[in-house]
Amino acid sequence: MILRRNFPKGFCIGLILVIAVNILLVFYTKETLHNLILGRLHKEFHLPPPEWDGAMIKRLSRLEMDLQRLKDGMQLVMKQQENKDHTQKRIEDEVHPARKAVETPERETKKQQNRPPKKLFPNSPLFKQWGDKLSEAQQKEAEDLFQKFGYNAYLSNQLPHNRSLMDTRDSRWDGRGLVGGSRDLGLIWV
């Protein structure tokens, strides 16, 4: 019973002692590190401590000048690149002025072509997830083939017959050869 009453007091006292020791260790370590750094600086500068500030200022000013030179160099490179691009574009315009005149009508026709054509069969199951960029004639052909065959025959007809196909055989088949020089046969399910 007495042990239960004294336990919180003892625990608090022990916790306070542990915290105090940690604080002392931190300050001792900090002072030790400070002395090591100052000792290292003293060896590096070979100067008495009052002149260390001047030496540090000189080093920082040199570092600042180097950074400024680097920044100026990067700006110069970027400016040269912009000038090069501008000059190249100007030369192309001067050498090929007719091309620029031709490109203007082409841009207008491209803008008109970029607009997706209207869907002729918006309720068709074929065009719910496919065929947004088909012209009206292509949409009619695709819908006719879909009604006739029941699948997307238009898309199947667009695929080349001699395309390479991925090998989907089981990995256990890799090491085996075919019996008697038989050929591989690929089957495509549509």
C-alpha atoms as a PDB file:
ATOM      1  CA  MET A   1       0.000   0.000   0.000  1.00  0.00           C
ATOM      2  CA  ILE A   2       2.787   2.373   0.927  1.00  0.00           C
ATOM      3  CA  LEU A   3       4.615   1.365  -2.228  1.00  0.00           C
ATOM      4  CA  ARG A   4       1.661   2.463  -4.375  1.00  0.00           C
ATOM      5  CA  ARG A   5       1.555   5.902  -2.748  1.00  0.00           C
ATOM      6  CA  ASN A   6       5.287   6.532  -3.111  1.00  0.00           C
ATOM      7  CA  PHE A   7       5.606   5.217  -6.661  1.00  0.00           C
ATOM      8  CA  PRO A   8       4.309   8.355  -8.454  1.00  0.00           C
ATOM      9  CA  LYS A   9       6.556  10.580  -6.321  1.00  0.00           C
ATOM     10  CA  GLY A  10       9.605   8.434  -7.028  1.00  0.00           C
ATOM     11  CA  PHE A  11       8.749   8.227 -10.713  1.00  0.00           C
ATOM     12  CA  CYS A  12       8.454  12.023 -10.979  1.00  0.00           C
ATOM     13  CA  ILE A  13      11.744  12.561  -9.133  1.00  0.00           C
ATOM     14  CA  GLY A  14      13.500  10.020 -11.378  1.00  0.00           C
ATOM     15  CA  LEU A  15      12.052  11.631 -14.497  1.00  0.00           C
ATOM     16  CA  ILE A  16      13.229  15.075 -13.358  1.00  0.00           C
ATOM     17  CA  LEU A  17      16.734  13.703 -12.731  1.00  0.00           C
ATOM     18  CA  VAL A  18      16.872  12.099 -16.182  1.00  0.00           C
ATOM     19  CA  ILE A  19      15.778  15.366 -17.833  1.00  0.00           C
ATOM     20  CA  ALA A  20      18.370  17.343 -15.845  1.00  0.00           C
ATOM     21  CA  VAL A  21      21.161  14.950 -16.881  1.00  0.00           C
ATOM     22  CA  ASN A  22      20.074  15.194 -20.546  1.00  0.00           C
ATOM     23  CA  ILE A  23      20.117  18.984 -20.402  1.00  0.00           C
ATOM     24  CA  LEU A  24      23.590  18.971 -18.875  1.00  0.00           C
ATOM     25  CA  LEU A  25      24.828  16.564 -21.554  1.00  0.00           C
ATOM     26  CA  VAL A  26      23.392  18.737 -24.323  1.00  0.00           C
ATOM     27  CA  PHE A  27      25.085  21.881 -23.035  1.00  0.00           C
ATOM     28  CA  TYR A  28      28.362  20.048 -22.393  1.00  0.00           C
ATOM     29  CA  THR A  29      28.282  18.542 -25.909  1.00  0.00           C
ATOM     30  CA  LYS A  30      27.425  21.918 -27.407  1.00  0.00           C
ATOM     31  CA  GLU A  31      30.343  23.567 -25.633  1.00  0.00           C
ATOM     32  CA  THR A  32      32.675  20.759 -26.683  1.00  0.00           C
ATOM     33  CA  LEU A  33      31.580  21.070 -30.321  1.00  0.00           C
ATOM     34  CA  HIS A  34      31.958  24.835 -30.126  1.00  0.00           C
ATOM     35  CA  ASN A  35      35.514  24.445 -28.852  1.00  0.00           C
ATOM     36  CA  LEU A  36      36.323  21.918 -31.591  1.00  0.00           C
ATOM     37  CA  ILE A  37      34.977  24.213 -34.306  1.00  0.00           C
ATOM     38  CA  LEU A  38      36.801  27.239 -32.949  1.00  0.00           C
ATOM     39  CA  GLY A  39      39.968  25.194 -32.605  1.00  0.00           C
ATOM     40  CA  ARG A  40      39.619  24.010 -36.195  1.00  0.00           C
ATOM     41  CA  LEU A  41      39.016  27.572 -37.406  1.00  0.00           C
ATOM     42  CA  HIS A  42      42.018  28.766 -35.433  1.00  0.00           C
ATOM     43  CA  LYS A  43      44.190  26.136 -37.101  1.00  0.00           C
ATOM     44  CA  GLU A  44      42.711  26.932 -40.519  1.00  0.00           C
ATOM     45  CA  PHE A  45      43.109  30.700 -40.346  1.00  0.00           C
ATOM     46  CA  HIS A  46      46.386  30.832 -38.438  1.00  0.00           C
ATOM     47  CA  LEU A  47      45.130  34.122 -37.070  1.00  0.00           C
ATOM     48  CA  PRO A  48      44.419  35.306 -33.570  1.00  0.00           C
ATOM     49  CA  PRO A  49      40.707  35.155 -32.603  1.00  0.00           C
ATOM     50  CA  PRO A  50      39.989  38.909 -32.997  1.00  0.00           C
ATOM     51  CA  GLU A  51      40.899  38.714 -36.725  1.00  0.00           C
ATOM     52  CA  TRP A  52      38.659  35.720 -37.456  1.00  0.00           C
ATOM     53  CA  ASP A  53      35.672  37.944 -38.241  1.00  0.00           C
ATOM     54  CA  GLY A  54      37.585  39.758 -40.963  1.00  0.00           C
ATOM     55  CA  ALA A  55      38.744  36.489 -42.516  1.00  0.00           C
ATOM     56  CA  MET A  56      35.192  35.089 -42.462  1.00  0.00           C
ATOM     57  CA  ILE A  57      33.875  38.260 -44.095  1.00  0.00           C
ATOM     58  CA  LYS A  58      36.484  37.972 -46.869  1.00  0.00           C
ATOM     59  CA  ARG A  59      35.554  34.336 -47.517  1.00  0.00           C
ATOM     60  CA  LEU A  60      31.842  35.130 -47.601  1.00  0.00           C
ATOM     61  CA  SER A  61      32.369  38.082 -49.946  1.00  0.00           C
ATOM     62  CA  ARG A  62      34.399  35.868 -52.329  1.00  0.00           C
ATOM     63  CA  LEU A  63      31.629  33.280 -52.225  1.00  0.00           C
ATOM     64  CA  GLU A  64      29.042  35.971 -52.959  1.00  0.00           C
ATOM     65  CA  MET A  65      31.061  37.241 -55.944  1.00  0.00           C
ATOM     66  CA  ASP A  66      31.373  33.704 -57.325  1.00  0.00           C
ATOM     67  CA  LEU A  67      27.621  33.202 -57.029  1.00  0.00           C
ATOM     68  CA  GLN A  68      26.976  36.522 -58.772  1.00  0.00           C
ATOM     69  CA  ARG A  69      29.291  35.522 -61.652  1.00  0.00           C
ATOM     70  CA  LEU A  70      27.480  32.196 -61.948  1.00  0.00           C
ATOM     71  CA  LYS A  71      24.105  33.952 -62.047  1.00  0.00           C
ATOM     72  CA  ASP A  72      25.322  36.396 -64.720  1.00  0.00           C
ATOM     73  CA  GLY A  73      26.700  33.519 -66.790  1.00  0.00           C
ATOM     74  CA  MET A  74      23.397  31.636 -66.625  1.00  0.00           C
ATOM     75  CA  GLN A  75      21.465  34.754 -67.667  1.00  0.00           C
ATOM     76  CA  LEU A  76      23.852  35.290 -70.580  1.00  0.00           C
ATOM     77  CA  VAL A  77      23.400  31.707 -71.785  1.00  0.00           C
ATOM     78  CA  MET A  78      19.613  32.005 -71.590  1.00  0.00           C
ATOM     79  CA  LYS A  79      19.679  35.313 -73.479  1.00  0.00           C
ATOM     80  CA  GLN A  80      21.915  33.814 -76.194  1.00  0.00           C
ATOM     81  CA  GLN A  81      19.531  30.877 -76.588  1.00  0.00           C
ATOM     82  CA  GLU A  82      16.570  33.240 -76.968  1.00  0.00           C
ATOM     83  CA  ASN A  83      18.479  35.319 -79.533  1.00  0.00           C
ATOM     84  CA  LYS A  84      19.423  32.174 -81.449  1.00  0.00           C
ATOM     85  CA  ASP A  85      15.803  31.005 -81.588  1.00  0.00           C
ATOM     86  CA  HIS A  86      14.596  34.469 -82.622  1.00  0.00           C
ATOM     87  CA  THR A  87      17.276  34.770 -85.328  1.00  0.00           C
ATOM     88  CA  GLN A  88      16.497  31.323 -86.694  1.00  0.00           C
ATOM     89  CA  LYS A  89      12.794  32.141 -86.904  1.00  0.00           C
ATOM     90  CA  ARG A  90      13.526  35.484 -88.594  1.00  0.00           C
ATOM     91  CA  ILE A  91      15.794  33.780 -91.162  1.00  0.00           C
ATOM     92  CA  GLU A  92      13.104  31.226 -91.966  1.00  0.00           C
ATOM     93  CA  ASP A  93      10.586  34.029 -92.460  1.00  0.00           C
ATOM     94  CA  GLU A  94      12.971  35.942 -94.737  1.00  0.00           C
ATOM     95  CA  VAL A  95      14.055  32.929 -96.797  1.00  0.00           C
ATOM     96  CA  HIS A  96      10.594  31.404 -97.178  1.00  0.00           C
ATOM     97  CA  PRO A  97       8.032  34.255 -97.154  1.00  0.00           C
ATOM     98  CA  ALA A  98       5.659  32.235 -99.342  1.00  0.00           C
ATOM     99  CA  ARG A  99       5.590  29.440 -96.776  1.00  0.00           C
ATOM    100  CA  LYS A 100       4.234  31.847 -94.174  1.00  0.00           C
ATOM    101  CA  ALA A 101       1.451  32.943 -96.532  1.00  0.00           C
ATOM    102  CA  VAL A 102       0.540  29.301 -97.203  1.00  0.00           C
ATOM    103  CA  GLU A 103       0.638  28.360 -93.510  1.00  0.00           C
ATOM    104  CA  THR A 104      -2.056  30.889 -92.577  1.00  0.00           C
ATOM    105  CA  PRO A 105      -4.853  29.188 -94.593  1.00  0.00           C
ATOM    106  CA  GLU A 106      -3.561  25.792 -93.426  1.00  0.00           C
ATOM    107  CA  ARG A 107      -3.911  26.878 -89.800  1.00  0.00           C
ATOM    108  CA  GLU A 108      -7.512  27.905 -90.398  1.00  0.00           C
ATOM    109  CA  THR A 109      -8.336  24.569 -92.026  1.00  0.00           C
ATOM    110  CA  LYS A 110      -6.579  22.734 -89.168  1.00  0.00           C
ATOM    111  CA  LYS A 111      -8.706  24.633 -86.656  1.00  0.00           C
ATOM    112  CA  GLN A 112     -11.792  23.527 -88.546  1.00  0.00           C
ATOM    113  CA  GLN A 113     -10.524  19.951 -88.670  1.00  0.00           C
ATOM    114  CA  ASN A 114      -9.728  19.926 -84.945  1.00  0.00           C
ATOM    115  CA  ARG A 115     -13.405  20.359 -84.160  1.00  0.00           C
ATOM    116  CA  PRO A 116     -14.856  16.889 -83.676  1.00  0.00           C
ATOM    117  CA  PRO A 117     -17.556  15.997 -86.210  1.00  0.00           C
ATOM    118  CA  LYS A 118     -21.059  15.586 -84.857  1.00  0.00           C
ATOM    119  CA  LYS A 119     -22.167  12.087 -83.982  1.00  0.00           C
ATOM    120  CA  LEU A 120     -24.690  10.672 -86.407  1.00  0.00           C
ATOM    121  CA  PHE A 121     -25.620   7.769 -84.129  1.00  0.00           C
ATOM    122  CA  PRO A 122     -25.353   9.062 -80.537  1.00  0.00           C
ATOM    123  CA  ASN A 123     -27.484   6.242 -79.083  1.00  0.00           C
ATOM    124  CA  SER A 124     -25.600   3.430 -80.828  1.00  0.00           C
ATOM    125  CA  PRO A 125     -23.665   1.145 -78.442  1.00  0.00           C
ATOM    126  CA  LEU A 126     -20.785   1.255 -80.927  1.00  0.00           C
ATOM    127  CA  PHE A 127     -20.160   4.981 -80.453  1.00  0.00           C
ATOM    128  CA  LYS A 128     -20.549   5.232 -76.684  1.00  0.00           C
ATOM    129  CA  GLN A 129     -16.823   4.688 -76.008  1.00  0.00           C
ATOM    130  CA  TRP A 130     -15.273   4.856 -79.454  1.00  0.00           C
ATOM    131  CA  GLY A 131     -15.324   6.856 -82.687  1.00  0.00           C
ATOM    132  CA  ASP A 132     -15.263  10.465 -81.521  1.00  0.00           C
ATOM    133  CA  LYS A 133     -12.912  11.579 -84.304  1.00  0.00           C
ATOM    134  CA  LEU A 134     -14.495   9.717 -87.219  1.00  0.00           C
ATOM    135  CA  SER A 135     -15.914  11.700 -90.111  1.00  0.00           C
ATOM    136  CA  GLU A 136     -19.597  11.383 -90.955  1.00  0.00           C
ATOM    137  CA  ALA A 137     -18.900   8.983 -93.843  1.00  0.00           C
ATOM    138  CA  GLN A 138     -16.739   6.788 -91.612  1.00  0.00           C
ATOM    139  CA  GLN A 139     -19.452   6.805 -88.927  1.00  0.00           C
ATOM    140  CA  LYS A 140     -22.048   5.639 -91.462  1.00  0.00           C
ATOM    141  CA  GLU A 141     -19.780   2.839 -92.677  1.00  0.00           C
ATOM    142  CA  ALA A 142     -18.932   1.730 -89.129  1.00  0.00           C
ATOM    143  CA  GLU A 143     -22.607   1.685 -88.091  1.00  0.00           C
ATOM    144  CA  ASP A 144     -23.591  -0.310 -91.198  1.00  0.00           C
ATOM    145  CA  LEU A 145     -20.889  -2.919 -90.490  1.00  0.00           C
ATOM    146  CA  PHE A 146     -21.906  -3.024 -86.820  1.00  0.00           C
ATOM    147  CA  GLN A 147     -25.554  -3.650 -87.742  1.00  0.00           C
ATOM    148  CA  LYS A 148     -24.536  -6.310 -90.265  1.00  0.00           C
ATOM    149  CA  PHE A 149     -21.953  -8.275 -88.216  1.00  0.00           C
ATOM    150  CA  GLY A 150     -22.708  -7.350 -84.601  1.00  0.00           C
ATOM    151  CA  TYR A 151     -19.184  -6.240 -83.700  1.00  0.00           C
ATOM    152  CA  ASN A 152     -16.822  -3.412 -84.602  1.00  0.00           C
ATOM    153  CA  ALA A 153     -15.902  -4.723 -88.036  1.00  0.00           C
ATOM    154  CA  TYR A 154     -14.856  -1.247 -89.179  1.00  0.00           C
ATOM    155  CA  LEU A 155     -12.054  -1.129 -86.615  1.00  0.00           C
ATOM    156  CA  SER A 156     -11.060  -4.730 -87.360  1.00  0.00           C
ATOM    157  CA  ASN A 157     -10.755  -3.892 -91.056  1.00  0.00           C
ATOM    158  CA  GLN A 158      -8.434  -0.981 -90.252  1.00  0.00           C
ATOM    159  CA  LEU A 159      -5.855  -3.181 -88.489  1.00  0.00           C
ATOM    160  CA  PRO A 160      -2.977  -4.467 -90.660  1.00  0.00           C
ATOM    161  CA  HIS A 161      -2.901  -8.217 -91.178  1.00  0.00           C
ATOM    162  CA  ASN A 162       0.879  -8.533 -90.913  1.00  0.00           C
ATOM    163  CA  ARG A 163       1.238  -6.807 -87.528  1.00  0.00           C
ATOM    164  CA  SER A 164       3.330  -8.435 -84.832  1.00  0.00           C
ATOM    165  CA  LEU A 165       1.417  -9.990 -81.973  1.00  0.00           C
ATOM    166  CA  MET A 166       2.468 -10.403 -78.395  1.00  0.00           C
ATOM    167  CA  ASP A 167       3.259 -13.961 -77.273  1.00  0.00           C
ATOM    168  CA  THR A 168       0.582 -14.830 -74.705  1.00  0.00           C
ATOM    169  CA  ARG A 169       1.617 -18.408 -74.064  1.00  0.00           C
ATOM    170  CA  ASP A 170       2.235 -19.620 -70.536  1.00  0.00           C
ATOM    171  CA  SER A 171       5.789 -19.065 -69.272  1.00  0.00           C
ATOM    172  CA  ARG A 172       6.244 -22.839 -68.901  1.00  0.00           C
ATOM    173  CA  TRP A 173       6.031 -23.117 -72.707  1.00  0.00           C
ATOM    174  CA  ASP A 174       9.143 -20.969 -73.337  1.00  0.00           C
ATOM    175  CA  GLY A 175      11.714 -23.755 -73.065  1.00  0.00           C
ATOM    176  CA  ARG A 176       9.890 -26.289 -75.188  1.00  0.00           C
ATOM    177  CA  GLY A 177      10.223 -26.677 -78.906  1.00  0.00           C
ATOM    178  CA  LEU A 178       7.541 -27.793 -81.275  1.00  0.00           C
ATOM    179  CA  VAL A 179       7.312 -31.446 -82.253  1.00  0.00           C
ATOM    180  CA  GLY A 180       8.498 -32.365 -85.731  1.00  0.00           C
ATOM    181  CA  GLY A 181       9.167 -28.848 -86.948  1.00  0.00           C
ATOM    182  CA  SER A 182       5.536 -27.760 -86.643  1.00  0.00           C
ATOM    183  CA  ARG A 183       4.861 -24.081 -87.038  1.00  0.00           C
ATOM    184  CA  ASP A 184       3.385 -21.687 -84.499  1.00  0.00           C
ATOM    185  CA  LEU A 185      -0.197 -20.748 -85.099  1.00  0.00           C
ATOM    186  CA  GLY A 186      -1.696 -17.571 -83.709  1.00  0.00           C
ATOM    187  CA  LEU A 187      -5.409 -17.195 -83.219  1.00  0.00           C
ATOM    188  CA  ILE A 188      -7.038 -13.815 -82.802  1.00  0.00           C
ATOM    189  CA  TRP A 189     -10.469 -13.616 -81.228  1.00  0.00           C
ATOM    190  CA  VAL A 190     -12.493 -10.616 -82.278  1.00  0.00           C
END
